[in-house]
Amino acid sequence: MKKIAVLLSFLLVAACQKDHTVNITSGIRVRYANDSDYIAIQRVNAEWDYNRGVATILADGYKGESFLLNLTGIHDTCTIAKPGIETIDYSDGTGAIPDVVKDGYIHISHLSEHSIRGEFRFSSSSNGAHIRLVVGGFNIQNPRSSN
């Protein structure tokens, strides 16, 4: 009986701490253009809502890196020229936090009800100081589909 009480307590705590976001298979590759290796991603939260045209990725690396992709109104493949800092952002965890995207693009190469993917290339600055060029790609796929 004591084991059942312990198990129920554990399940109750786990249920209270459960993340209520939809689990979606996703991938993100991000690196500075002059680096040969992509950062090692520790955690990715991603969402793709086809009906609203909204895609979001929040990713963290093992060394304090952080990445944000926040797309809205995406209903077809396209290229977004010079996206804003609220749309795409990358910080390498060394203290320089970007405050503006200087130049670049996000290219949506595929989207369907089940998935969205694309690539990006942008540079940003922090308090006017140039931060290196960032490149990479992303994929968000609904795990209930095979597309």
Protein backbone atom coordinates (compact mmCIF):
# COMPACT_ATOMS: atom_id res chain seq x y z
CA MET A 1 0.00 0.00 0.00
CA LYS A 2 2.87 2.36 0.81
CA LYS A 3 4.38 1.75 -2.65
CA ILE A 4 1.09 2.73 -4.29
CA ALA A 5 0.96 5.96 -2.25
CA VAL A 6 4.54 6.81 -3.26
CA LEU A 7 3.78 6.05 -6.92
CA LEU A 8 0.63 8.18 -6.87
CA SER A 9 2.53 11.05 -5.24
CA PHE A 10 5.23 10.83 -7.91
CA LEU A 11 2.64 10.81 -10.71
CA LEU A 12 0.84 13.79 -9.20
CA VAL A 13 4.08 15.81 -8.99
CA ALA A 14 5.03 14.80 -12.53
CA ALA A 15 1.59 15.80 -13.82
CA CYS A 16 1.86 19.22 -12.16
CA GLN A 17 5.27 19.84 -13.72
CA LYS A 18 4.31 18.57 -17.17
CA ASP A 19 4.95 20.96 -20.04
CA HIS A 20 1.63 21.64 -21.77
CA THR A 21 3.12 22.43 -25.17
CA VAL A 22 2.54 20.06 -28.07
CA ASN A 23 5.46 17.70 -28.56
CA ILE A 24 6.81 18.26 -32.04
CA THR A 25 9.81 16.68 -33.67
CA SER A 26 12.12 19.52 -34.60
CA GLY A 27 15.63 20.24 -35.58
CA ILE A 28 17.79 23.33 -35.58
CA ARG A 29 21.28 23.92 -36.93
CA VAL A 30 22.93 27.20 -36.03
CA ARG A 31 26.53 28.44 -36.15
CA TYR A 32 28.58 31.50 -36.89
CA ALA A 33 29.45 31.54 -40.60
CA ASN A 34 33.21 31.31 -39.97
CA ASP A 35 32.86 28.37 -37.50
CA SER A 36 33.00 24.86 -38.91
CA ASP A 37 30.78 23.25 -36.26
CA TYR A 38 27.14 23.85 -35.44
CA ILE A 39 26.37 24.44 -31.75
CA ALA A 40 25.35 21.46 -29.67
CA ILE A 41 21.66 21.89 -28.87
CA GLN A 42 20.56 20.88 -25.39
CA ARG A 43 16.84 21.74 -25.49
CA VAL A 44 14.39 22.67 -28.24
CA ASN A 45 10.79 23.80 -27.87
CA ALA A 46 9.01 24.13 -31.19
CA GLU A 47 5.52 24.70 -32.52
CA TRP A 48 4.04 24.79 -36.03
CA ASP A 49 0.43 25.93 -36.43
CA TYR A 50 -0.42 25.63 -40.12
CA ASN A 51 -3.86 27.25 -39.82
CA ARG A 52 -2.47 30.39 -38.19
CA GLY A 53 0.83 30.33 -40.12
CA VAL A 54 2.85 30.52 -36.90
CA ALA A 55 6.16 28.73 -36.31
CA THR A 56 8.22 29.15 -33.15
CA ILE A 57 11.50 27.62 -32.05
CA LEU A 58 13.23 28.31 -28.76
CA ALA A 59 16.53 26.43 -28.43
CA ASP A 60 19.33 26.40 -25.88
CA GLY A 61 22.86 25.11 -26.27
CA TYR A 62 25.05 23.40 -23.69
CA LYS A 63 27.29 26.48 -23.30
CA GLY A 64 24.52 29.03 -22.67
CA GLU A 65 23.69 29.70 -26.32
CA SER A 66 20.12 30.67 -27.13
CA PHE A 67 18.20 30.77 -30.40
CA LEU A 68 14.77 32.19 -31.23
CA LEU A 69 12.75 31.86 -34.42
CA ASN A 70 9.28 33.41 -34.37
CA LEU A 71 7.45 33.40 -37.71
CA THR A 72 3.91 34.70 -38.14
CA GLY A 73 1.62 34.85 -41.15
CA ILE A 74 3.48 32.15 -43.09
CA HIS A 75 1.08 30.53 -45.56
CA ASP A 76 3.40 29.70 -48.46
CA THR A 77 7.09 29.21 -49.20
CA CYS A 78 8.83 32.56 -49.21
CA THR A 79 11.91 34.54 -48.29
CA ILE A 80 11.75 37.08 -45.48
CA ALA A 81 14.35 39.77 -46.12
CA LYS A 82 15.99 41.54 -43.17
CA PRO A 83 13.89 39.98 -40.41
CA GLY A 84 13.63 41.81 -37.09
CA ILE A 85 15.18 40.80 -33.78
CA GLU A 86 11.71 39.70 -32.64
CA THR A 87 11.66 37.22 -35.56
CA ILE A 88 15.12 35.68 -35.29
CA ASP A 89 17.81 35.97 -32.65
CA TYR A 90 20.95 34.11 -31.60
CA SER A 91 23.22 34.68 -28.64
CA ASP A 92 26.36 32.60 -28.09
CA GLY A 93 26.17 32.90 -24.31
CA THR A 94 29.28 35.07 -23.93
CA GLY A 95 27.48 38.17 -22.74
CA ALA A 96 26.86 40.12 -25.95
CA ILE A 97 23.09 40.11 -26.38
CA PRO A 98 21.97 41.22 -29.86
CA ASP A 99 19.47 44.06 -29.97
CA VAL A 100 18.95 44.47 -33.74
CA VAL A 101 19.25 42.33 -36.88
CA LYS A 102 21.43 44.25 -39.33
CA ASP A 103 20.90 42.21 -42.49
CA GLY A 104 19.93 38.76 -43.70
CA TYR A 105 17.04 36.52 -44.61
CA ILE A 106 14.92 33.55 -43.61
CA HIS A 107 13.94 31.27 -46.49
CA ILE A 108 10.95 28.96 -46.04
CA SER A 109 11.65 26.10 -48.47
CA HIS A 110 8.79 23.79 -47.44
CA LEU A 111 5.56 24.03 -45.55
CA SER A 112 2.56 21.79 -45.22
CA GLU A 113 -0.07 21.05 -42.64
CA HIS A 114 2.44 18.68 -41.07
CA SER A 115 5.80 20.47 -41.28
CA ILE A 116 7.79 23.58 -42.06
CA ARG A 117 11.48 23.89 -42.85
CA GLY A 118 13.93 26.44 -44.12
CA GLU A 119 17.25 28.12 -43.69
CA PHE A 120 18.51 31.48 -42.48
CA ARG A 121 21.47 33.82 -42.69
CA PHE A 122 21.67 37.03 -40.70
CA SER A 123 23.94 39.37 -38.82
CA SER A 124 23.03 41.43 -35.80
CA SER A 125 24.53 43.97 -33.47
CA SER A 126 24.61 44.67 -29.76
CA ASN A 127 24.74 48.33 -28.74
CA GLY A 128 26.07 49.18 -32.21
CA ALA A 129 28.91 46.65 -32.12
CA HIS A 130 28.79 44.15 -34.99
CA ILE A 131 28.18 40.51 -34.12
CA ARG A 132 29.28 37.85 -36.55
CA LEU A 133 27.18 36.38 -39.35
CA VAL A 134 24.88 33.53 -38.22
CA VAL A 135 23.80 30.72 -40.56
CA GLY A 136 21.68 27.61 -40.20
CA GLY A 137 18.48 25.76 -40.88
CA PHE A 138 15.39 24.53 -39.12
CA ASN A 139 12.68 21.90 -39.33
CA ILE A 140 9.48 21.47 -37.32
CA GLN A 141 7.42 18.37 -37.95
CA ASN A 142 4.24 17.18 -36.34
CA PRO A 143 5.03 13.67 -35.01
CA ARG A 144 1.55 12.42 -35.94
CA SER A 145 2.45 12.61 -39.62
CA SER A 146 5.04 11.09 -41.86
CA ASN A 147 5.50 14.18 -44.09
